PDB file of all heavy atoms in Angstrom:
ATOM      1  N   GLU A   1      24.731  -8.062   0.540  1.00  0.00           N
ATOM      2  CA  GLU A   1      24.127  -6.779   0.803  1.00  0.00           C
ATOM      3  C   GLU A   1      23.786  -6.660   2.283  1.00  0.00           C
ATOM      4  O   GLU A   1      23.976  -5.616   2.910  1.00  0.00           O
ATOM      5  CB  GLU A   1      22.853  -6.638  -0.054  1.00  0.00           C
ATOM      6  CG  GLU A   1      22.300  -5.256  -0.150  1.00  0.00           C
ATOM      7  CD  GLU A   1      23.240  -4.292  -0.817  1.00  0.00           C
ATOM      8  OE1 GLU A   1      23.849  -4.611  -1.837  1.00  0.00           O
ATOM      9  OE2 GLU A   1      23.408  -3.207  -0.217  1.00  0.00           O
ATOM     10  N   ILE A   2      23.250  -7.738   2.885  1.00  0.00           N
ATOM     11  CA  ILE A   2      22.879  -7.715   4.310  1.00  0.00           C
ATOM     12  C   ILE A   2      24.126  -7.530   5.154  1.00  0.00           C
ATOM     13  O   ILE A   2      24.118  -6.791   6.132  1.00  0.00           O
ATOM     14  CB  ILE A   2      22.161  -9.057   4.675  1.00  0.00           C
ATOM     15  CG1 ILE A   2      20.770  -9.088   4.021  1.00  0.00           C
ATOM     16  CG2 ILE A   2      22.024  -9.189   6.174  1.00  0.00           C
ATOM     17  CD1 ILE A   2      20.095 -10.454   4.118  1.00  0.00           C
ATOM     18  N   THR A   3      25.208  -8.233   4.830  1.00  0.00           N
ATOM     19  CA  THR A   3      26.482  -8.129   5.603  1.00  0.00           C
ATOM     20  C   THR A   3      26.992  -6.690   5.604  1.00  0.00           C
ATOM     21  O   THR A   3      27.348  -6.151   6.638  1.00  0.00           O
ATOM     22  CB  THR A   3      27.507  -9.075   5.028  1.00  0.00           C
ATOM     23  OG1 THR A   3      27.016 -10.433   5.062  1.00  0.00           O
ATOM     24  CG2 THR A   3      28.825  -8.980   5.800  1.00  0.00           C
ATOM     25  N   ASP A   4      26.946  -6.024   4.425  1.00  0.00           N
ATOM     26  CA  ASP A   4      27.393  -4.636   4.376  1.00  0.00           C
ATOM     27  C   ASP A   4      26.539  -3.728   5.212  1.00  0.00           C
ATOM     28  O   ASP A   4      27.001  -2.838   5.892  1.00  0.00           O
ATOM     29  CB  ASP A   4      27.365  -4.147   2.905  1.00  0.00           C
ATOM     30  CG  ASP A   4      28.555  -4.654   2.074  1.00  0.00           C
ATOM     31  OD1 ASP A   4      29.416  -5.329   2.680  1.00  0.00           O
ATOM     32  OD2 ASP A   4      28.611  -4.371   0.873  1.00  0.00           O
ATOM     33  N   LEU A   5      25.217  -3.978   5.137  1.00  0.00           N
ATOM     34  CA  LEU A   5      24.283  -3.116   5.877  1.00  0.00           C
ATOM     35  C   LEU A   5      24.425  -3.279   7.374  1.00  0.00           C
ATOM     36  O   LEU A   5      24.419  -2.314   8.123  1.00  0.00           O
ATOM     37  CB  LEU A   5      22.839  -3.439   5.456  1.00  0.00           C
ATOM     38  CG  LEU A   5      21.745  -2.492   6.006  1.00  0.00           C
ATOM     39  CD1 LEU A   5      21.971  -1.054   5.559  1.00  0.00           C
ATOM     40  CD2 LEU A   5      20.375  -2.966   5.492  1.00  0.00           C
ATOM     41  N   MET A   6      24.642  -4.521   7.821  1.00  0.00           N
ATOM     42  CA  MET A   6      24.800  -4.773   9.270  1.00  0.00           C
ATOM     43  C   MET A   6      26.110  -4.153   9.771  1.00  0.00           C
ATOM     44  O   MET A   6      26.141  -3.670  10.907  1.00  0.00           O
ATOM     45  CB  MET A   6      24.741  -6.267   9.553  1.00  0.00           C
ATOM     46  CG  MET A   6      23.319  -6.860   9.410  1.00  0.00           C
ATOM     47  SD  MET A   6      23.087  -8.470  10.171  1.00  0.00           S
ATOM     48  CE  MET A   6      24.262  -9.455   9.316  1.00  0.00           C
ATOM     49  N   GLU A   7      27.129  -4.190   8.945  1.00  0.00           N
ATOM     50  CA  GLU A   7      28.412  -3.533   9.345  1.00  0.00           C
ATOM     51  C   GLU A   7      28.206  -2.028   9.531  1.00  0.00           C
ATOM     52  O   GLU A   7      28.765  -1.445  10.441  1.00  0.00           O
ATOM     53  CB  GLU A   7      29.476  -3.807   8.275  1.00  0.00           C
ATOM     54  CG  GLU A   7      30.029  -5.225   8.319  1.00  0.00           C
ATOM     55  CD  GLU A   7      31.021  -5.467   7.201  1.00  0.00           C
ATOM     56  OE1 GLU A   7      31.294  -4.540   6.392  1.00  0.00           O
ATOM     57  OE2 GLU A   7      31.511  -6.629   7.097  1.00  0.00           O
ATOM     58  N   TYR A   8      27.337  -1.461   8.660  1.00  0.00           N
ATOM     59  CA  TYR A   8      27.061  -0.023   8.831  1.00  0.00           C
ATOM     60  C   TYR A   8      26.359   0.254  10.147  1.00  0.00           C
ATOM     61  O   TYR A   8      26.735   1.174  10.887  1.00  0.00           O
ATOM     62  CB  TYR A   8      26.196   0.465   7.666  1.00  0.00           C
ATOM     63  CG  TYR A   8      25.635   1.867   7.903  1.00  0.00           C
ATOM     64  CD1 TYR A   8      26.386   3.002   7.656  1.00  0.00           C
ATOM     65  CD2 TYR A   8      24.338   2.026   8.403  1.00  0.00           C
ATOM     66  CE1 TYR A   8      25.881   4.262   7.906  1.00  0.00           C
ATOM     67  CE2 TYR A   8      23.822   3.280   8.684  1.00  0.00           C
ATOM     68  CZ  TYR A   8      24.601   4.397   8.418  1.00  0.00           C
ATOM     69  OH  TYR A   8      24.119   5.644   8.681  1.00  0.00           O
ATOM     70  N   PHE A   9      25.354  -0.575  10.478  1.00  0.00           N
ATOM     71  CA  PHE A   9      24.585  -0.351  11.708  1.00  0.00           C
ATOM     72  C   PHE A   9      25.437  -0.649  12.974  1.00  0.00           C
ATOM     73  O   PHE A   9      25.189  -0.072  14.021  1.00  0.00           O
ATOM     74  CB  PHE A   9      23.301  -1.195  11.706  1.00  0.00           C
ATOM     75  CG  PHE A   9      22.210  -0.546  10.868  1.00  0.00           C
ATOM     76  CD1 PHE A   9      21.718  -1.210   9.778  1.00  0.00           C
ATOM     77  CD2 PHE A   9      21.694   0.697  11.213  1.00  0.00           C
ATOM     78  CE1 PHE A   9      20.723  -0.645   9.002  1.00  0.00           C
ATOM     79  CE2 PHE A   9      20.694   1.270  10.445  1.00  0.00           C
ATOM     80  CZ  PHE A   9      20.191   0.606   9.335  1.00  0.00           C
ATOM     81  N   GLU A  10      26.406  -1.555  12.819  1.00  0.00           N
ATOM     82  CA  GLU A  10      27.319  -1.764  13.938  1.00  0.00           C
ATOM     83  C   GLU A  10      28.070  -0.495  14.317  1.00  0.00           C
ATOM     84  O   GLU A  10      28.321  -0.221  15.524  1.00  0.00           O
ATOM     85  CB  GLU A  10      28.330  -2.869  13.569  1.00  0.00           C
ATOM     86  CG  GLU A  10      27.905  -4.274  13.970  1.00  0.00           C
ATOM     87  CD  GLU A  10      29.058  -5.262  13.859  1.00  0.00           C
ATOM     88  OE1 GLU A  10      29.872  -5.279  14.790  1.00  0.00           O
ATOM     89  OE2 GLU A  10      29.107  -5.984  12.868  1.00  0.00           O
ATOM     90  N   LYS A  11      28.410   0.304  13.315  1.00  0.00           N
ATOM     91  CA  LYS A  11      29.149   1.530  13.539  1.00  0.00           C
ATOM     92  C   LYS A  11      28.310   2.606  14.225  1.00  0.00           C
ATOM     93  O   LYS A  11      28.889   3.592  14.723  1.00  0.00           O
ATOM     94  CB  LYS A  11      29.693   2.084  12.213  1.00  0.00           C
ATOM     95  CG  LYS A  11      30.751   1.182  11.583  1.00  0.00           C
ATOM     96  CD  LYS A  11      31.107   1.648  10.185  1.00  0.00           C
ATOM     97  CE  LYS A  11      32.033   0.655   9.479  1.00  0.00           C
ATOM     98  NZ  LYS A  11      32.286   1.020   8.071  1.00  0.00           N
ATOM     99  N   THR A  12      27.001   2.461  14.288  1.00  0.00           N
ATOM    100  CA  THR A  12      26.163   3.445  14.974  1.00  0.00           C
ATOM    101  C   THR A  12      26.313   3.317  16.492  1.00  0.00           C
ATOM    102  O   THR A  12      25.894   4.191  17.229  1.00  0.00           O
ATOM    103  CB  THR A  12      24.687   3.300  14.587  1.00  0.00           C
ATOM    104  OG1 THR A  12      24.188   2.024  15.015  1.00  0.00           O
ATOM    105  CG2 THR A  12      24.472   3.467  13.079  1.00  0.00           C
ATOM    106  N   ALA A  13      26.912   2.191  16.910  1.00  0.00           N
ATOM    107  CA  ALA A  13      27.276   2.014  18.357  1.00  0.00           C
ATOM    108  C   ALA A  13      26.082   2.259  19.301  1.00  0.00           C
ATOM    109  O   ALA A  13      26.240   2.893  20.326  1.00  0.00           O
ATOM    110  CB  ALA A  13      28.459   2.865  18.719  1.00  0.00           C
ATOM    111  N   GLY A  14      24.914   1.770  18.922  1.00  0.00           N
ATOM    112  CA  GLY A  14      23.784   1.885  19.829  1.00  0.00           C
ATOM    113  C   GLY A  14      23.166   3.273  19.916  1.00  0.00           C
ATOM    114  O   GLY A  14      22.381   3.560  20.842  1.00  0.00           O
ATOM    115  N   LYS A  15      23.542   4.183  19.002  1.00  0.00           N
ATOM    116  CA  LYS A  15      22.972   5.516  18.973  1.00  0.00           C
ATOM    117  C   LYS A  15      21.691   5.498  18.152  1.00  0.00           C
ATOM    118  O   LYS A  15      21.561   4.757  17.191  1.00  0.00           O
ATOM    119  CB  LYS A  15      23.912   6.512  18.411  1.00  0.00           C
ATOM    120  CG  LYS A  15      25.189   6.705  19.266  1.00  0.00           C
ATOM    121  CD  LYS A  15      26.178   7.618  18.582  1.00  0.00           C
ATOM    122  CE  LYS A  15      27.472   7.746  19.401  1.00  0.00           C
ATOM    123  NZ  LYS A  15      28.502   8.538  18.696  1.00  0.00           N
ATOM    124  N   PRO A  16      20.711   6.356  18.497  1.00  0.00           N
ATOM    125  CA  PRO A  16      19.461   6.424  17.717  1.00  0.00           C
ATOM    126  C   PRO A  16      19.766   6.725  16.233  1.00  0.00           C
ATOM    127  O   PRO A  16      20.547   7.626  15.939  1.00  0.00           O
ATOM    128  CB  PRO A  16      18.676   7.578  18.366  1.00  0.00           C
ATOM    129  CG  PRO A  16      19.177   7.610  19.771  1.00  0.00           C
ATOM    130  CD  PRO A  16      20.661   7.295  19.659  1.00  0.00           C
ATOM    131  N   THR A  17      19.185   5.936  15.360  1.00  0.00           N
ATOM    132  CA  THR A  17      19.429   6.132  13.904  1.00  0.00           C
ATOM    133  C   THR A  17      18.159   5.815  13.140  1.00  0.00           C
ATOM    134  O   THR A  17      17.349   4.953  13.564  1.00  0.00           O
ATOM    135  CB  THR A  17      20.602   5.246  13.448  1.00  0.00           C
ATOM    136  OG1 THR A  17      20.898   5.518  12.069  1.00  0.00           O
ATOM    137  CG2 THR A  17      20.268   3.745  13.568  1.00  0.00           C
ATOM    138  N   GLU A  18      18.010   6.431  11.988  1.00  0.00           N
ATOM    139  CA  GLU A  18      16.849   6.168  11.109  1.00  0.00           C
ATOM    140  C   GLU A  18      17.186   5.005  10.222  1.00  0.00           C
ATOM    141  O   GLU A  18      18.108   5.057   9.413  1.00  0.00           O
ATOM    142  CB  GLU A  18      16.496   7.431  10.315  1.00  0.00           C
ATOM    143  CG  GLU A  18      15.092   7.357   9.717  1.00  0.00           C
ATOM    144  CD  GLU A  18      14.708   8.620   8.961  1.00  0.00           C
ATOM    145  OE1 GLU A  18      14.788   9.721   9.603  1.00  0.00           O
ATOM    146  OE2 GLU A  18      14.351   8.519   7.795  1.00  0.00           O
ATOM    147  N   VAL A  19      16.422   3.966  10.317  1.00  0.00           N
ATOM    148  CA  VAL A  19      16.716   2.706   9.585  1.00  0.00           C
ATOM    149  C   VAL A  19      16.289   2.785   8.122  1.00  0.00           C
ATOM    150  O   VAL A  19      16.943   2.297   7.228  1.00  0.00           O
ATOM    151  CB  VAL A  19      16.049   1.517  10.294  1.00  0.00           C
ATOM    152  CG1 VAL A  19      16.221   0.238   9.508  1.00  0.00           C
ATOM    153  CG2 VAL A  19      16.629   1.356  11.707  1.00  0.00           C
ATOM    154  N   GLY A  20      15.130   3.421   7.860  1.00  0.00           N
ATOM    155  CA  GLY A  20      14.457   3.337   6.573  1.00  0.00           C
ATOM    156  C   GLY A  20      15.320   3.763   5.387  1.00  0.00           C
ATOM    157  O   GLY A  20      15.342   3.084   4.371  1.00  0.00           O
ATOM    158  N   SER A  21      16.025   4.887   5.497  1.00  0.00           N
ATOM    159  CA  SER A  21      16.758   5.388   4.350  1.00  0.00           C
ATOM    160  C   SER A  21      17.869   4.430   3.929  1.00  0.00           C
ATOM    161  O   SER A  21      18.168   4.279   2.740  1.00  0.00           O
ATOM    162  CB  SER A  21      17.354   6.768   4.655  1.00  0.00           C
ATOM    163  OG  SER A  21      18.159   6.747   5.810  1.00  0.00           O
ATOM    164  N   ASN A  22      18.488   3.767   4.917  1.00  0.00           N
ATOM    165  CA  ASN A  22      19.528   2.772   4.606  1.00  0.00           C
ATOM    166  C   ASN A  22      18.943   1.510   3.964  1.00  0.00           C
ATOM    167  O   ASN A  22      19.591   0.880   3.167  1.00  0.00           O
ATOM    168  CB  ASN A  22      20.305   2.437   5.868  1.00  0.00           C
ATOM    169  CG  ASN A  22      21.090   3.616   6.422  1.00  0.00           C
ATOM    170  OD1 ASN A  22      22.088   4.046   5.817  1.00  0.00           O
ATOM    171  ND2 ASN A  22      20.607   4.204   7.518  1.00  0.00           N
ATOM    172  N   LEU A  23      17.737   1.174   4.407  1.00  0.00           N
ATOM    173  CA  LEU A  23      17.083   0.005   3.815  1.00  0.00           C
ATOM    174  C   LEU A  23      16.728   0.252   2.340  1.00  0.00           C
ATOM    175  O   LEU A  23      16.777  -0.689   1.546  1.00  0.00           O
ATOM    176  CB  LEU A  23      15.810  -0.320   4.578  1.00  0.00           C
ATOM    177  CG  LEU A  23      16.023  -0.951   5.985  1.00  0.00           C
ATOM    178  CD1 LEU A  23      14.702  -1.003   6.745  1.00  0.00           C
ATOM    179  CD2 LEU A  23      16.624  -2.366   5.889  1.00  0.00           C
ATOM    180  N   THR A  24      16.375   1.479   2.006  1.00  0.00           N
ATOM    181  CA  THR A  24      16.071   1.803   0.604  1.00  0.00           C
ATOM    182  C   THR A  24      17.224   1.475  -0.329  1.00  0.00           C
ATOM    183  O   THR A  24      17.056   0.803  -1.327  1.00  0.00           O
ATOM    184  CB  THR A  24      15.709   3.303   0.455  1.00  0.00           C
ATOM    185  OG1 THR A  24      14.505   3.574   1.197  1.00  0.00           O
ATOM    186  CG2 THR A  24      15.440   3.672  -0.991  1.00  0.00           C
ATOM    187  N   SER A  25      18.399   1.951   0.065  1.00  0.00           N
ATOM    188  CA  SER A  25      19.604   1.697  -0.730  1.00  0.00           C
ATOM    189  C   SER A  25      19.894   0.221  -0.872  1.00  0.00           C
ATOM    190  O   SER A  25      20.228  -0.257  -1.940  1.00  0.00           O
ATOM    191  CB  SER A  25      20.792   2.437  -0.080  1.00  0.00           C
ATOM    192  OG  SER A  25      21.965   2.085  -0.729  1.00  0.00           O
ATOM    193  N   SER A  26      19.724  -0.500   0.208  1.00  0.00           N
ATOM    194  CA  SER A  26      20.055  -1.926   0.222  1.00  0.00           C
ATOM    195  C   SER A  26      19.062  -2.735  -0.624  1.00  0.00           C
ATOM    196  O   SER A  26      19.475  -3.582  -1.451  1.00  0.00           O
ATOM    197  CB  SER A  26      20.055  -2.436   1.647  1.00  0.00           C
ATOM    198  OG  SER A  26      20.672  -3.706   1.724  1.00  0.00           O
ATOM    199  N   ALA A  27      17.792  -2.471  -0.499  1.00  0.00           N
ATOM    200  CA  ALA A  27      16.776  -3.222  -1.249  1.00  0.00           C
ATOM    201  C   ALA A  27      16.870  -2.923  -2.729  1.00  0.00           C
ATOM    202  O   ALA A  27      16.722  -3.828  -3.582  1.00  0.00           O
ATOM    203  CB  ALA A  27      15.361  -2.858  -0.731  1.00  0.00           C
ATOM    204  N   SER A  28      17.151  -1.680  -3.088  1.00  0.00           N
ATOM    205  CA  SER A  28      17.273  -1.336  -4.514  1.00  0.00           C
ATOM    206  C   SER A  28      18.454  -2.013  -5.168  1.00  0.00           C
ATOM    207  O   SER A  28      18.434  -2.344  -6.342  1.00  0.00           O
ATOM    208  CB  SER A  28      17.371   0.183  -4.683  1.00  0.00           C
ATOM    209  OG  SER A  28      18.570   0.703  -4.182  1.00  0.00           O
ATOM    210  N   SER A  29      19.510  -2.251  -4.409  1.00  0.00           N
ATOM    211  CA  SER A  29      20.666  -2.932  -4.938  1.00  0.00           C
ATOM    212  C   SER A  29      20.343  -4.365  -5.323  1.00  0.00           C
ATOM    213  O   SER A  29      20.874  -4.884  -6.314  1.00  0.00           O
ATOM    214  CB  SER A  29      21.832  -2.904  -3.934  1.00  0.00           C
ATOM    215  OG  SER A  29      22.984  -3.533  -4.450  1.00  0.00           O
ATOM    216  N   ASN A  30      19.501  -5.020  -4.561  1.00  0.00           N
ATOM    217  CA  ASN A  30      19.079  -6.372  -4.902  1.00  0.00           C
ATOM    218  C   ASN A  30      18.307  -6.433  -6.198  1.00  0.00           C
ATOM    219  O   ASN A  30      18.508  -7.337  -7.019  1.00  0.00           O
ATOM    220  CB  ASN A  30      18.213  -6.990  -3.765  1.00  0.00           C
ATOM    221  CG  ASN A  30      19.002  -7.153  -2.475  1.00  0.00           C
ATOM    222  OD1 ASN A  30      20.189  -7.428  -2.494  1.00  0.00           O
ATOM    223  ND2 ASN A  30      18.336  -6.964  -1.355  1.00  0.00           N
ATOM    224  N   ILE A  31      17.391  -5.456  -6.413  1.00  0.00           N
ATOM    225  CA  ILE A  31      16.641  -5.426  -7.652  1.00  0.00           C
ATOM    226  C   ILE A  31      17.564  -5.110  -8.822  1.00  0.00           C
ATOM    227  O   ILE A  31      17.420  -5.660  -9.913  1.00  0.00           O
ATOM    228  CB  ILE A  31      15.493  -4.391  -7.570  1.00  0.00           C
ATOM    229  CG1 ILE A  31      14.493  -4.805  -6.479  1.00  0.00           C
ATOM    230  CG2 ILE A  31      14.767  -4.260  -8.926  1.00  0.00           C
ATOM    231  CD1 ILE A  31      13.749  -6.053  -6.753  1.00  0.00           C
ATOM    232  N   ALA A  32      18.556  -4.214  -8.610  1.00  0.00           N
ATOM    233  CA  ALA A  32      19.516  -3.894  -9.620  1.00  0.00           C
ATOM    234  C   ALA A  32      20.292  -5.140 -10.041  1.00  0.00           C
ATOM    235  O   ALA A  32      20.561  -5.330 -11.241  1.00  0.00           O
ATOM    236  CB  ALA A  32      20.460  -2.794  -9.130  1.00  0.00           C
ATOM    237  N   ALA A  33      20.631  -5.975  -9.091  1.00  0.00           N
ATOM    238  CA  ALA A  33      21.331  -7.248  -9.390  1.00  0.00           C
ATOM    239  C   ALA A  33      20.483  -8.161 -10.265  1.00  0.00           C
ATOM    240  O   ALA A  33      20.951  -8.786 -11.200  1.00  0.00           O
ATOM    241  CB  ALA A  33      21.753  -7.965  -8.109  1.00  0.00           C
ATOM    242  N   LEU A  34      19.203  -8.201  -9.964  1.00  0.00           N
ATOM    243  CA  LEU A  34      18.263  -9.048 -10.744  1.00  0.00           C
ATOM    244  C   LEU A  34      18.129  -8.496 -12.167  1.00  0.00           C
ATOM    245  O   LEU A  34      18.125  -9.253 -13.128  1.00  0.00           O
ATOM    246  CB  LEU A  34      16.895  -9.036 -10.049  1.00  0.00           C
ATOM    247  CG  LEU A  34      15.771  -9.760 -10.767  1.00  0.00           C
ATOM    248  CD1 LEU A  34      15.957 -11.261 -10.694  1.00  0.00           C
ATOM    249  CD2 LEU A  34      14.422  -9.397 -10.130  1.00  0.00           C
ATOM    250  N   LEU A  35      18.032  -7.190 -12.301  1.00  0.00           N
ATOM    251  CA  LEU A  35      17.825  -6.555 -13.617  1.00  0.00           C
ATOM    252  C   LEU A  35      19.108  -6.543 -14.448  1.00  0.00           C
ATOM    253  O   LEU A  35      19.084  -6.874 -15.629  1.00  0.00           O
ATOM    254  CB  LEU A  35      17.392  -5.129 -13.424  1.00  0.00           C
ATOM    255  CG  LEU A  35      15.939  -4.903 -12.969  1.00  0.00           C
ATOM    256  CD1 LEU A  35      15.724  -3.411 -12.590  1.00  0.00           C
ATOM    257  CD2 LEU A  35      14.955  -5.285 -14.019  1.00  0.00           C
ATOM    258  N   PHE A  36      20.210  -6.148 -13.791  1.00  0.00           N
ATOM    259  CA  PHE A  36      21.435  -5.838 -14.573  1.00  0.00           C
ATOM    260  C   PHE A  36      22.539  -6.881 -14.396  1.00  0.00           C
ATOM    261  O   PHE A  36      23.610  -6.779 -15.003  1.00  0.00           O
ATOM    262  CB  PHE A  36      21.993  -4.472 -14.127  1.00  0.00           C
ATOM    263  CG  PHE A  36      20.964  -3.384 -14.119  1.00  0.00           C
ATOM    264  CD1 PHE A  36      20.817  -2.569 -12.986  1.00  0.00           C
ATOM    265  CD2 PHE A  36      20.109  -3.191 -15.196  1.00  0.00           C
ATOM    266  CE1 PHE A  36      19.873  -1.564 -12.958  1.00  0.00           C
ATOM    267  CE2 PHE A  36      19.139  -2.181 -15.184  1.00  0.00           C
ATOM    268  CZ  PHE A  36      19.028  -1.374 -14.042  1.00  0.00           C
ATOM    269  N   GLY A  37      22.301  -7.887 -13.529  1.00  0.00           N
ATOM    270  CA  GLY A  37      23.239  -8.998 -13.384  1.00  0.00           C
ATOM    271  C   GLY A  37      24.429  -8.722 -12.449  1.00  0.00           C
ATOM    272  O   GLY A  37      25.310  -9.562 -12.351  1.00  0.00           O
ATOM    273  N   LYS A  38      24.472  -7.541 -11.824  1.00  0.00           N
ATOM    274  CA  LYS A  38      25.587  -7.263 -10.929  1.00  0.00           C
ATOM    275  C   LYS A  38      25.107  -6.354  -9.804  1.00  0.00           C
ATOM    276  O   LYS A  38      24.217  -5.549  -9.970  1.00  0.00           O
ATOM    277  CB  LYS A  38      26.748  -6.597 -11.691  1.00  0.00           C
ATOM    278  CG  LYS A  38      26.333  -5.328 -12.440  1.00  0.00           C
ATOM    279  CD  LYS A  38      27.478  -4.855 -13.325  1.00  0.00           C
ATOM    280  CE  LYS A  38      27.011  -3.621 -14.130  1.00  0.00           C
ATOM    281  NZ  LYS A  38      28.008  -3.179 -15.112  1.00  0.00           N
ATOM    282  N   ARG A  39      25.753  -6.496  -8.657  1.00  0.00           N
ATOM    283  CA  ARG A  39      25.451  -5.704  -7.503  1.00  0.00           C
ATOM    284  C   ARG A  39      26.273  -4.420  -7.499  1.00  0.00           C
ATOM    285  O   ARG A  39      27.473  -4.474  -7.782  1.00  0.00           O
ATOM    286  CB  ARG A  39      25.745  -6.509  -6.247  1.00  0.00           C
ATOM    287  CG  ARG A  39      25.471  -5.840  -4.936  1.00  0.00           C
ATOM    288  CD  ARG A  39      25.683  -6.775  -3.786  1.00  0.00           C
ATOM    289  NE  ARG A  39      25.824  -6.016  -2.550  1.00  0.00           N
ATOM    290  CZ  ARG A  39      26.973  -5.714  -1.983  1.00  0.00           C
ATOM    291  NH1 ARG A  39      28.088  -6.154  -2.459  1.00  0.00           N
ATOM    292  NH2 ARG A  39      27.005  -4.999  -0.874  1.00  0.00           N
ATOM    293  N   LEU A  40      25.630  -3.317  -7.225  1.00  0.00           N
ATOM    294  CA  LEU A  40      26.358  -2.035  -7.202  1.00  0.00           C
ATOM    295  C   LEU A  40      26.841  -1.773  -5.775  1.00  0.00           C
ATOM    296  O   LEU A  40      26.101  -1.891  -4.814  1.00  0.00           O
ATOM    297  CB  LEU A  40      25.412  -0.900  -7.626  1.00  0.00           C
ATOM    298  CG  LEU A  40      24.804  -1.006  -9.041  1.00  0.00           C
ATOM    299  CD1 LEU A  40      23.806   0.096  -9.298  1.00  0.00           C
ATOM    300  CD2 LEU A  40      25.909  -0.965 -10.089  1.00  0.00           C
ATOM    301  N   LYS A  41      28.123  -1.390  -5.669  1.00  0.00           N
ATOM    302  CA  LYS A  41      28.688  -1.090  -4.370  1.00  0.00           C
ATOM    303  C   LYS A  41      28.095   0.183  -3.773  1.00  0.00           C
ATOM    304  O   LYS A  41      27.579   1.029  -4.498  1.00  0.00           O
ATOM    305  CB  LYS A  41      30.220  -0.911  -4.468  1.00  0.00           C
ATOM    306  CG  LYS A  41      30.954  -2.189  -4.788  1.00  0.00           C
ATOM    307  CD  LYS A  41      30.922  -3.160  -3.630  1.00  0.00           C
ATOM    308  CE  LYS A  41      31.765  -4.404  -3.898  1.00  0.00           C
ATOM    309  NZ  LYS A  41      31.686  -5.355  -2.753  1.00  0.00           N
ATOM    310  N   TYR A  42      28.193   0.327  -2.448  1.00  0.00           N
ATOM    311  CA  TYR A  42      27.536   1.442  -1.742  1.00  0.00           C
ATOM    312  C   TYR A  42      27.943   2.795  -2.320  1.00  0.00           C
ATOM    313  O   TYR A  42      27.112   3.711  -2.415  1.00  0.00           O
ATOM    314  CB  TYR A  42      27.844   1.392  -0.233  1.00  0.00           C
ATOM    315  CG  TYR A  42      26.751   0.748   0.550  1.00  0.00           C
ATOM    316  CD1 TYR A  42      26.449  -0.620   0.394  1.00  0.00           C
ATOM    317  CD2 TYR A  42      25.953   1.497   1.424  1.00  0.00           C
ATOM    318  CE1 TYR A  42      25.450  -1.195   1.125  1.00  0.00           C
ATOM    319  CE2 TYR A  42      24.937   0.884   2.154  1.00  0.00           C
ATOM    320  CZ  TYR A  42      24.709  -0.433   1.970  1.00  0.00           C
ATOM    321  OH  TYR A  42      23.672  -1.044   2.687  1.00  0.00           O
TER     322      TYR A  42
END
């Protein structure tokens, strides 16, 4: 999940971006893996 998220931020190429909304999606995927046994793709 971290690798996917960092690849996304690499594409922002140093431009101002809001981090929080992307973190929500990433953190929820980890809990989904714990609950349902599998990670959901972006």
